């Protein structure tokens, strides 16, 4: 009976270690995919401009993350007005 308990503990330990390894690998991969680079500065909004369009013209990499940071940089609102100076994130960002 002791052997069975030891085998279960070894198996549980191996499964937990494998799970931790998978989480670490996923976090590293996710971090790499989240990176983007933008030109910085501002863009004066024209008719029919969108945050996504401004990000796609001024950023490379993960545009969804660039749009998120651009919205945060501009007061947390995704709606922009004609003539509004839209701040663009600077440099490489995660």
PDB file of N, CA and C in Angstrom:
ATOM      1  N   UNK A   1       0.814  -1.188   0.000  1.00  0.00           N
ATOM      2  CA  UNK A   1       0.000   0.000   0.000  1.00  0.00           C
ATOM      3  C   UNK A   1       0.862   1.258   0.000  1.00  0.00           C
ATOM      4  N   UNK A   2       2.002   1.240   0.667  1.00  0.00           N
ATOM      5  CA  UNK A   2       2.890   2.402   0.677  1.00  0.00           C
ATOM      6  C   UNK A   2       3.415   2.706  -0.719  1.00  0.00           C
ATOM      7  N   UNK A   3       3.724   1.678  -1.467  1.00  0.00           N
ATOM      8  CA  UNK A   3       4.238   1.864  -2.820  1.00  0.00           C
ATOM      9  C   UNK A   3       3.206   2.599  -3.667  1.00  0.00           C
ATOM     10  N   UNK A   4       1.967   2.247  -3.529  1.00  0.00           N
ATOM     11  CA  UNK A   4       0.901   2.881  -4.289  1.00  0.00           C
ATOM     12  C   UNK A   4       0.799   4.365  -3.929  1.00  0.00           C
ATOM     13  N   UNK A   5       0.900   4.690  -2.654  1.00  0.00           N
ATOM     14  CA  UNK A   5       0.845   6.081  -2.206  1.00  0.00           C
ATOM     15  C   UNK A   5       2.029   6.866  -2.764  1.00  0.00           C
ATOM     16  N   UNK A   6       3.224   6.280  -2.727  1.00  0.00           N
ATOM     17  CA  UNK A   6       4.410   6.945  -3.277  1.00  0.00           C
ATOM     18  C   UNK A   6       4.255   7.182  -4.770  1.00  0.00           C
ATOM     19  N   UNK A   7       3.729   6.191  -5.467  1.00  0.00           N
ATOM     20  CA  UNK A   7       3.546   6.335  -6.917  1.00  0.00           C
ATOM     21  C   UNK A   7       2.566   7.464  -7.227  1.00  0.00           C
ATOM     22  N   UNK A   8       1.524   7.567  -6.451  1.00  0.00           N
ATOM     23  CA  UNK A   8       0.555   8.645  -6.642  1.00  0.00           C
ATOM     24  C   UNK A   8       1.190  10.012  -6.366  1.00  0.00           C
ATOM     25  N   UNK A   9       1.987  10.093  -5.314  1.00  0.00           N
ATOM     26  CA  UNK A   9       2.644  11.359  -4.995  1.00  0.00           C
ATOM     27  C   UNK A   9       3.637  11.769  -6.083  1.00  0.00           C
ATOM     28  N   UNK A  10       4.370  10.800  -6.616  1.00  0.00           N
ATOM     29  CA  UNK A  10       5.307  11.088  -7.702  1.00  0.00           C
ATOM     30  C   UNK A  10       4.534  11.554  -8.931  1.00  0.00           C
ATOM     31  N   UNK A  11       3.444  10.896  -9.234  1.00  0.00           N
ATOM     32  CA  UNK A  11       2.632  11.273 -10.391  1.00  0.00           C
ATOM     33  C   UNK A  11       2.046  12.668 -10.208  1.00  0.00           C
ATOM     34  N   UNK A  12       1.525  12.961  -9.044  1.00  0.00           N
ATOM     35  CA  UNK A  12       0.959  14.288  -8.763  1.00  0.00           C
ATOM     36  C   UNK A  12       2.041  15.356  -8.870  1.00  0.00           C
ATOM     37  N   UNK A  13       3.210  15.098  -8.329  1.00  0.00           N
ATOM     38  CA  UNK A  13       4.322  16.042  -8.414  1.00  0.00           C
ATOM     39  C   UNK A  13       4.719  16.299  -9.861  1.00  0.00           C
ATOM     40  N   UNK A  14       4.778  15.253 -10.661  1.00  0.00           N
ATOM     41  CA  UNK A  14       5.139  15.395 -12.074  1.00  0.00           C
ATOM     42  C   UNK A  14       4.092  16.211 -12.826  1.00  0.00           C
ATOM     43  N   UNK A  15       2.832  15.977 -12.559  1.00  0.00           N
ATOM     44  CA  UNK A  15       1.751  16.708 -13.221  1.00  0.00           C
ATOM     45  C   UNK A  15       1.797  18.188 -12.839  1.00  0.00           C
ATOM     46  N   UNK A  16       2.001  18.475 -11.571  1.00  0.00           N
ATOM     47  CA  UNK A  16       2.085  19.869 -11.116  1.00  0.00           C
ATOM     48  C   UNK A  16       3.293  20.564 -11.747  1.00  0.00           C
ATOM     49  N   UNK A  17       4.438  19.901 -11.781  1.00  0.00           N
ATOM     50  CA  UNK A  17       5.636  20.486 -12.389  1.00  0.00           C
ATOM     51  C   UNK A  17       5.410  20.744 -13.876  1.00  0.00           C
ATOM     52  N   UNK A  18       4.766  19.821 -14.561  1.00  0.00           N
ATOM     53  CA  UNK A  18       4.466  19.999 -15.980  1.00  0.00           C
ATOM     54  C   UNK A  18       3.517  21.178 -16.178  1.00  0.00           C
ATOM     55  N   UNK A  19       2.527  21.316 -15.320  1.00  0.00           N
ATOM     56  CA  UNK A  19       1.586  22.440 -15.397  1.00  0.00           C
ATOM     57  C   UNK A  19       2.277  23.773 -15.201  1.00  0.00           C
ATOM     58  N   UNK A  20       3.173  23.845 -14.240  1.00  0.00           N
ATOM     59  CA  UNK A  20       3.934  25.076 -13.997  1.00  0.00           C
ATOM     60  C   UNK A  20       4.794  25.413 -15.210  1.00  0.00           C
ATOM     61  N   UNK A  21       5.419  24.404 -15.800  1.00  0.00           N
ATOM     62  CA  UNK A  21       6.234  24.609 -16.999  1.00  0.00           C
ATOM     63  C   UNK A  21       5.376  25.131 -18.155  1.00  0.00           C
ATOM     64  N   UNK A  22       4.191  24.575 -18.342  1.00  0.00           N
ATOM     65  CA  UNK A  22       3.292  25.041 -19.399  1.00  0.00           C
ATOM     66  C   UNK A  22       2.859  26.489 -19.170  1.00  0.00           C
ATOM     67  N   UNK A  23       2.522  26.840 -17.946  1.00  0.00           N
ATOM     68  CA  UNK A  23       2.140  28.221 -17.636  1.00  0.00           C
ATOM     69  C   UNK A  23       3.279  29.187 -17.914  1.00  0.00           C
ATOM     70  N   UNK A  24       4.480  28.820 -17.545  1.00  0.00           N
ATOM     71  CA  UNK A  24       5.649  29.675 -17.792  1.00  0.00           C
ATOM     72  C   UNK A  24       5.855  29.851 -19.293  1.00  0.00           C
ATOM     73  N   UNK A  25       5.766  28.765 -20.065  1.00  0.00           N
ATOM     74  CA  UNK A  25       5.957  28.844 -21.515  1.00  0.00           C
ATOM     75  C   UNK A  25       4.868  29.700 -22.152  1.00  0.00           C
ATOM     76  N   UNK A  26       3.628  29.551 -21.708  1.00  0.00           N
ATOM     77  CA  UNK A  26       2.533  30.349 -22.246  1.00  0.00           C
ATOM     78  C   UNK A  26       2.744  31.825 -21.947  1.00  0.00           C
ATOM     79  N   UNK A  27       3.178  32.148 -20.745  1.00  0.00           N
ATOM     80  CA  UNK A  27       3.407  33.548 -20.372  1.00  0.00           C
ATOM     81  C   UNK A  27       4.508  34.160 -21.225  1.00  0.00           C
ATOM     82  N   UNK A  28       5.571  33.431 -21.477  1.00  0.00           N
ATOM     83  CA  UNK A  28       6.664  33.946 -22.322  1.00  0.00           C
ATOM     84  C   UNK A  28       6.191  34.159 -23.750  1.00  0.00           C
ATOM     85  N   UNK A  29       5.427  33.220 -24.295  1.00  0.00           N
ATOM     86  CA  UNK A  29       4.922  33.341 -25.658  1.00  0.00           C
ATOM     87  C   UNK A  29       3.940  34.498 -25.763  1.00  0.00           C
ATOM     88  N   UNK A  30       3.060  34.624 -24.796  1.00  0.00           N
ATOM     89  CA  UNK A  30       2.070  35.689 -24.800  1.00  0.00           C
ATOM     90  C   UNK A  30       2.749  37.056 -24.736  1.00  0.00           C
ATOM     91  N   UNK A  31       3.808  37.165 -23.944  1.00  0.00           N
ATOM     92  CA  UNK A  31       4.541  38.427 -23.820  1.00  0.00           C
ATOM     93  C   UNK A  31       5.134  38.828 -25.168  1.00  0.00           C
ATOM     94  N   UNK A  32       5.687  37.883 -25.887  1.00  0.00           N
ATOM     95  CA  UNK A  32       6.294  38.179 -27.187  1.00  0.00           C
ATOM     96  C   UNK A  32       5.236  38.616 -28.197  1.00  0.00           C
ATOM     97  N   UNK A  33       4.061  37.994 -28.165  1.00  0.00           N
ATOM     98  CA  UNK A  33       3.001  38.342 -29.109  1.00  0.00           C
ATOM     99  C   UNK A  33       2.337  39.669 -28.776  1.00  0.00           C
ATOM    100  N   UNK A  34       2.467  40.152 -27.562  1.00  0.00           N
ATOM    101  CA  UNK A  34       1.815  41.391 -27.151  1.00  0.00           C
ATOM    102  C   UNK A  34       2.621  42.627 -27.535  1.00  0.00           C
ATOM    103  N   UNK A  35       3.840  42.462 -27.981  1.00  0.00           N
ATOM    104  CA  UNK A  35       4.710  43.610 -28.251  1.00  0.00           C
ATOM    105  C   UNK A  35       4.291  44.362 -29.502  1.00  0.00           C
ATOM    106  N   UNK A  36       4.498  45.667 -29.456  1.00  0.00           N
ATOM    107  CA  UNK A  36       4.262  46.515 -30.613  1.00  0.00           C
ATOM    108  C   UNK A  36       5.196  47.714 -30.539  1.00  0.00           C
ATOM    109  N   UNK A  37       5.379  48.378 -31.665  1.00  0.00           N
ATOM    110  CA  UNK A  37       6.208  49.578 -31.745  1.00  0.00           C
ATOM    111  C   UNK A  37       5.410  50.646 -32.470  1.00  0.00           C
ATOM    112  N   UNK A  38       5.388  51.865 -31.922  1.00  0.00           N
ATOM    113  CA  UNK A  38       4.690  52.983 -32.551  1.00  0.00           C
ATOM    114  C   UNK A  38       5.646  54.154 -32.736  1.00  0.00           C
ATOM    115  N   UNK A  39       5.249  55.059 -33.624  1.00  0.00           N
ATOM    116  CA  UNK A  39       6.091  56.212 -33.953  1.00  0.00           C
ATOM    117  C   UNK A  39       6.054  57.300 -32.893  1.00  0.00           C
ATOM    118  N   UNK A  40       5.005  57.344 -32.095  1.00  0.00           N
ATOM    119  CA  UNK A  40       4.866  58.393 -31.092  1.00  0.00           C
ATOM    120  C   UNK A  40       4.280  59.645 -31.711  1.00  0.00           C
ATOM    121  N   UNK A  41       4.197  60.687 -30.932  1.00  0.00           N
ATOM    122  CA  UNK A  41       3.655  61.952 -31.414  1.00  0.00           C
ATOM    123  C   UNK A  41       2.148  61.986 -31.339  1.00  0.00           C
ATOM    124  N   UNK A  42       1.557  62.836 -32.180  1.00  0.00           N
ATOM    125  CA  UNK A  42       0.102  62.954 -32.219  1.00  0.00           C
ATOM    126  C   UNK A  42      -0.382  62.911 -33.663  1.00  0.00           C
ATOM    127  N   UNK A  43      -1.656  62.629 -33.797  1.00  0.00           N
ATOM    128  CA  UNK A  43      -2.318  62.616 -35.103  1.00  0.00           C
ATOM    129  C   UNK A  43      -3.575  63.457 -34.951  1.00  0.00           C
ATOM    130  N   UNK A  44      -3.764  64.428 -35.826  1.00  0.00           N
ATOM    131  CA  UNK A  44      -4.983  65.228 -35.797  1.00  0.00           C
ATOM    132  C   UNK A  44      -6.073  64.468 -36.543  1.00  0.00           C
ATOM    133  N   UNK A  45      -7.135  64.142 -35.830  1.00  0.00           N
ATOM    134  CA  UNK A  45      -8.199  63.316 -36.393  1.00  0.00           C
ATOM    135  C   UNK A  45      -8.916  64.037 -37.526  1.00  0.00           C
ATOM    136  N   UNK A  46      -9.101  63.311 -38.616  1.00  0.00           N
ATOM    137  CA  UNK A  46      -9.845  63.783 -39.776  1.00  0.00           C
ATOM    138  C   UNK A  46     -11.193  63.059 -39.814  1.00  0.00           C
ATOM    139  N   UNK A  47     -12.058  63.469 -40.715  1.00  0.00           N
ATOM    140  CA  UNK A  47     -13.346  62.796 -40.863  1.00  0.00           C
ATOM    141  C   UNK A  47     -13.116  61.312 -41.159  1.00  0.00           C
ATOM    142  N   UNK A  48     -13.869  60.471 -40.498  1.00  0.00           N
ATOM    143  CA  UNK A  48     -13.866  59.013 -40.665  1.00  0.00           C
ATOM    144  C   UNK A  48     -12.620  58.315 -40.108  1.00  0.00           C
ATOM    145  N   UNK A  49     -11.733  59.021 -39.407  1.00  0.00           N
ATOM    146  CA  UNK A  49     -10.597  58.374 -38.751  1.00  0.00           C
ATOM    147  C   UNK A  49     -11.093  57.525 -37.588  1.00  0.00           C
ATOM    148  N   UNK A  50     -10.395  56.441 -37.331  1.00  0.00           N
ATOM    149  CA  UNK A  50     -10.662  55.599 -36.161  1.00  0.00           C
ATOM    150  C   UNK A  50      -9.340  55.357 -35.444  1.00  0.00           C
ATOM    151  N   UNK A  51      -9.435  55.005 -34.179  1.00  0.00           N
ATOM    152  CA  UNK A  51      -8.232  54.661 -33.410  1.00  0.00           C
ATOM    153  C   UNK A  51      -7.497  53.509 -34.094  1.00  0.00           C
ATOM    154  N   UNK A  52      -8.241  52.501 -34.561  1.00  0.00           N
ATOM    155  CA  UNK A  52      -7.626  51.349 -35.221  1.00  0.00           C
ATOM    156  C   UNK A  52      -6.848  51.789 -36.458  1.00  0.00           C
ATOM    157  N   UNK A  53      -7.443  52.657 -37.264  1.00  0.00           N
ATOM    158  CA  UNK A  53      -6.788  53.124 -38.482  1.00  0.00           C
ATOM    159  C   UNK A  53      -5.527  53.919 -38.146  1.00  0.00           C
ATOM    160  N   UNK A  54      -5.600  54.759 -37.144  1.00  0.00           N
ATOM    161  CA  UNK A  54      -4.431  55.549 -36.729  1.00  0.00           C
ATOM    162  C   UNK A  54      -3.335  54.615 -36.228  1.00  0.00           C
ATOM    163  N   UNK A  55      -3.704  53.611 -35.453  1.00  0.00           N
ATOM    164  CA  UNK A  55      -2.720  52.641 -34.958  1.00  0.00           C
ATOM    165  C   UNK A  55      -2.098  51.871 -36.113  1.00  0.00           C
ATOM    166  N   UNK A  56      -2.901  51.456 -37.088  1.00  0.00           N
ATOM    167  CA  UNK A  56      -2.355  50.670 -38.197  1.00  0.00           C
ATOM    168  C   UNK A  56      -1.410  51.491 -39.070  1.00  0.00           C
ATOM    169  N   UNK A  57      -1.590  52.796 -39.104  1.00  0.00           N
ATOM    170  CA  UNK A  57      -0.705  53.661 -39.878  1.00  0.00           C
ATOM    171  C   UNK A  57       0.572  54.039 -39.122  1.00  0.00           C
ATOM    172  N   UNK A  58       0.534  53.973 -37.787  1.00  0.00           N
ATOM    173  CA  UNK A  58       1.658  54.449 -36.988  1.00  0.00           C
ATOM    174  C   UNK A  58       2.334  53.398 -36.119  1.00  0.00           C
ATOM    175  N   UNK A  59       1.818  52.177 -36.132  1.00  0.00           N
ATOM    176  CA  UNK A  59       2.348  51.131 -35.253  1.00  0.00           C
ATOM    177  C   UNK A  59       2.586  49.844 -36.033  1.00  0.00           C
ATOM    178  N   UNK A  60       3.487  49.025 -35.492  1.00  0.00           N
ATOM    179  CA  UNK A  60       3.763  47.697 -36.024  1.00  0.00           C
ATOM    180  C   UNK A  60       3.679  46.706 -34.876  1.00  0.00           C
ATOM    181  N   UNK A  61       3.396  45.471 -35.203  1.00  0.00           N
ATOM    182  CA  UNK A  61       3.321  44.430 -34.174  1.00  0.00           C
ATOM    183  C   UNK A  61       1.875  44.147 -33.824  1.00  0.00           C
ATOM    184  N   UNK A  62       1.595  43.950 -32.553  1.00  0.00           N
ATOM    185  CA  UNK A  62       0.262  43.612 -32.083  1.00  0.00           C
ATOM    186  C   UNK A  62      -0.607  44.871 -32.067  1.00  0.00           C
ATOM    187  N   UNK A  63      -1.412  45.049 -33.120  1.00  0.00           N
ATOM    188  CA  UNK A  63      -2.234  46.259 -33.225  1.00  0.00           C
ATOM    189  C   UNK A  63      -3.323  46.319 -32.168  1.00  0.00           C
ATOM    190  N   UNK A  64      -3.853  45.179 -31.747  1.00  0.00           N
ATOM    191  CA  UNK A  64      -4.864  45.200 -30.691  1.00  0.00           C
ATOM    192  C   UNK A  64      -4.292  45.796 -29.408  1.00  0.00           C
ATOM    193  N   UNK A  65      -3.077  45.422 -29.071  1.00  0.00           N
ATOM    194  CA  UNK A  65      -2.431  45.962 -27.879  1.00  0.00           C
ATOM    195  C   UNK A  65      -2.095  47.441 -28.084  1.00  0.00           C
ATOM    196  N   UNK A  66      -1.673  47.812 -29.303  1.00  0.00           N
ATOM    197  CA  UNK A  66      -1.380  49.219 -29.603  1.00  0.00           C
ATOM    198  C   UNK A  66      -2.644  50.059 -29.456  1.00  0.00           C
ATOM    199  N   UNK A  67      -3.778  49.559 -29.961  1.00  0.00           N
ATOM    200  CA  UNK A  67      -5.044  50.282 -29.845  1.00  0.00           C
ATOM    201  C   UNK A  67      -5.423  50.430 -28.372  1.00  0.00           C
ATOM    202  N   UNK A  68      -5.268  49.372 -27.596  1.00  0.00           N
ATOM    203  CA  UNK A  68      -5.575  49.436 -26.164  1.00  0.00           C
ATOM    204  C   UNK A  68      -4.761  50.542 -25.493  1.00  0.00           C
ATOM    205  N   UNK A  69      -3.450  50.567 -25.757  1.00  0.00           N
ATOM    206  CA  UNK A  69      -2.598  51.580 -25.142  1.00  0.00           C
ATOM    207  C   UNK A  69      -2.929  52.975 -25.655  1.00  0.00           C
ATOM    208  N   UNK A  70      -3.295  53.085 -26.922  1.00  0.00           N
ATOM    209  CA  UNK A  70      -3.663  54.384 -27.480  1.00  0.00           C
ATOM    210  C   UNK A  70      -4.940  54.906 -26.824  1.00  0.00           C
ATOM    211  N   UNK A  71      -5.918  54.033 -26.622  1.00  0.00           N
ATOM    212  CA  UNK A  71      -7.158  54.432 -25.947  1.00  0.00           C
ATOM    213  C   UNK A  71      -6.842  54.894 -24.530  1.00  0.00           C
ATOM    214  N   UNK A  72      -6.009  54.138 -23.807  1.00  0.00           N
ATOM    215  CA  UNK A  72      -5.642  54.518 -22.444  1.00  0.00           C
ATOM    216  C   UNK A  72      -4.916  55.860 -22.416  1.00  0.00           C
ATOM    217  N   UNK A  73      -4.052  56.081 -23.393  1.00  0.00           N
ATOM    218  CA  UNK A  73      -3.281  57.316 -23.481  1.00  0.00           C
ATOM    219  C   UNK A  73      -4.177  58.521 -23.763  1.00  0.00           C
ATOM    220  N   UNK A  74      -5.316  58.284 -24.373  1.00  0.00           N
ATOM    221  CA  UNK A  74      -6.236  59.354 -24.749  1.00  0.00           C
ATOM    222  C   UNK A  74      -7.468  59.409 -23.855  1.00  0.00           C
ATOM    223  N   UNK A  75      -7.281  59.140 -22.600  1.00  0.00           N
ATOM    224  CA  UNK A  75      -8.345  59.307 -21.622  1.00  0.00           C
ATOM    225  C   UNK A  75      -9.310  58.146 -21.487  1.00  0.00           C
ATOM    226  N   UNK A  76      -8.984  56.988 -22.078  1.00  0.00           N
ATOM    227  CA  UNK A  76      -9.816  55.809 -21.912  1.00  0.00           C
ATOM    228  C   UNK A  76     -11.043  55.777 -22.809  1.00  0.00           C
ATOM    229  N   UNK A  77     -11.127  56.697 -23.748  1.00  0.00           N
ATOM    230  CA  UNK A  77     -12.279  56.724 -24.657  1.00  0.00           C
ATOM    231  C   UNK A  77     -11.831  56.371 -26.065  1.00  0.00           C
ATOM    232  N   UNK A  78     -12.541  55.447 -26.710  1.00  0.00           N
ATOM    233  CA  UNK A  78     -12.197  55.027 -28.064  1.00  0.00           C
ATOM    234  C   UNK A  78     -12.800  55.944 -29.123  1.00  0.00           C
ATOM    235  N   UNK A  79     -13.781  56.741 -28.734  1.00  0.00           N
ATOM    236  CA  UNK A  79     -14.405  57.679 -29.679  1.00  0.00           C
ATOM    237  C   UNK A  79     -13.500  58.899 -29.830  1.00  0.00           C
ATOM    238  N   UNK A  80     -13.275  59.305 -31.083  1.00  0.00           N
ATOM    239  CA  UNK A  80     -12.481  60.502 -31.331  1.00  0.00           C
ATOM    240  C   UNK A  80     -13.309  61.486 -32.152  1.00  0.00           C
ATOM    241  N   UNK A  81     -12.953  62.753 -32.046  1.00  0.00           N
ATOM    242  CA  UNK A  81     -13.658  63.820 -32.737  1.00  0.00           C
ATOM    243  C   UNK A  81     -12.762  64.416 -33.820  1.00  0.00           C
ATOM    244  N   UNK A  82     -13.373  64.933 -34.874  1.00  0.00           N
ATOM    245  CA  UNK A  82     -12.609  65.616 -35.922  1.00  0.00           C
ATOM    246  C   UNK A  82     -11.845  66.764 -35.275  1.00  0.00           C
ATOM    247  N   UNK A  83     -10.562  66.873 -35.607  1.00  0.00           N
ATOM    248  CA  UNK A  83      -9.708  67.925 -35.060  1.00  0.00           C
ATOM    249  C   UNK A  83      -9.016  67.564 -33.759  1.00  0.00           C
ATOM    250  N   UNK A  84      -9.410  66.448 -33.147  1.00  0.00           N
ATOM    251  CA  UNK A  84      -8.802  66.023 -31.885  1.00  0.00           C
ATOM    252  C   UNK A  84      -7.360  65.583 -32.127  1.00  0.00           C
ATOM    253  N   UNK A  85      -6.464  65.991 -31.239  1.00  0.00           N
ATOM    254  CA  UNK A  85      -5.078  65.523 -31.283  1.00  0.00           C
ATOM    255  C   UNK A  85      -5.035  64.180 -30.571  1.00  0.00           C
ATOM    256  N   UNK A  86      -4.837  63.113 -31.326  1.00  0.00           N
ATOM    257  CA  UNK A  86      -4.808  61.761 -30.778  1.00  0.00           C
ATOM    258  C   UNK A  86      -3.349  61.400 -30.476  1.00  0.00           C
ATOM    259  N   UNK A  87      -3.068  61.161 -29.195  1.00  0.00           N
ATOM    260  CA  UNK A  87      -1.705  60.789 -28.779  1.00  0.00           C
ATOM    261  C   UNK A  87      -1.419  59.354 -29.206  1.00  0.00           C
ATOM    262  N   UNK A  88      -0.210  59.166 -29.742  1.00  0.00           N
ATOM    263  CA  UNK A  88       0.246  57.848 -30.211  1.00  0.00           C
ATOM    264  C   UNK A  88       1.352  57.378 -29.268  1.00  0.00           C
ATOM    265  N   UNK A  89       1.299  56.120 -28.805  1.00  0.00           N
ATOM    266  CA  UNK A  89       2.366  55.627 -27.923  1.00  0.00           C
ATOM    267  C   UNK A  89       3.741  55.762 -28.578  1.00  0.00           C
ATOM    268  N   UNK A  90       4.762  55.843 -27.738  1.00  0.00           N
ATOM    269  CA  UNK A  90       6.134  56.015 -28.221  1.00  0.00           C
ATOM    270  C   UNK A  90       6.916  54.711 -28.113  1.00  0.00           C
ATOM    271  N   UNK A  91       7.685  54.403 -29.142  1.00  0.00           N
ATOM    272  CA  UNK A  91       8.662  53.319 -29.098  1.00  0.00           C
ATOM    273  C   UNK A  91       8.109  51.947 -28.839  1.00  0.00           C
ATOM    274  N   UNK A  92       9.029  50.998 -28.591  1.00  0.00           N
ATOM    275  CA  UNK A  92       8.592  49.624 -28.331  1.00  0.00           C
ATOM    276  C   UNK A  92       7.888  49.534 -26.988  1.00  0.00           C
ATOM    277  N   UNK A  93       6.762  48.882 -26.965  1.00  0.00           N
ATOM    278  CA  UNK A  93       5.959  48.756 -25.752  1.00  0.00           C
ATOM    279  C   UNK A  93       5.445  47.335 -25.649  1.00  0.00           C
ATOM    280  N   UNK A  94       5.181  46.888 -24.435  1.00  0.00           N
ATOM    281  CA  UNK A  94       4.568  45.565 -24.221  1.00  0.00           C
ATOM    282  C   UNK A  94       3.182  45.766 -23.709  1.00  0.00           C
TER     283      UNK A  94
END
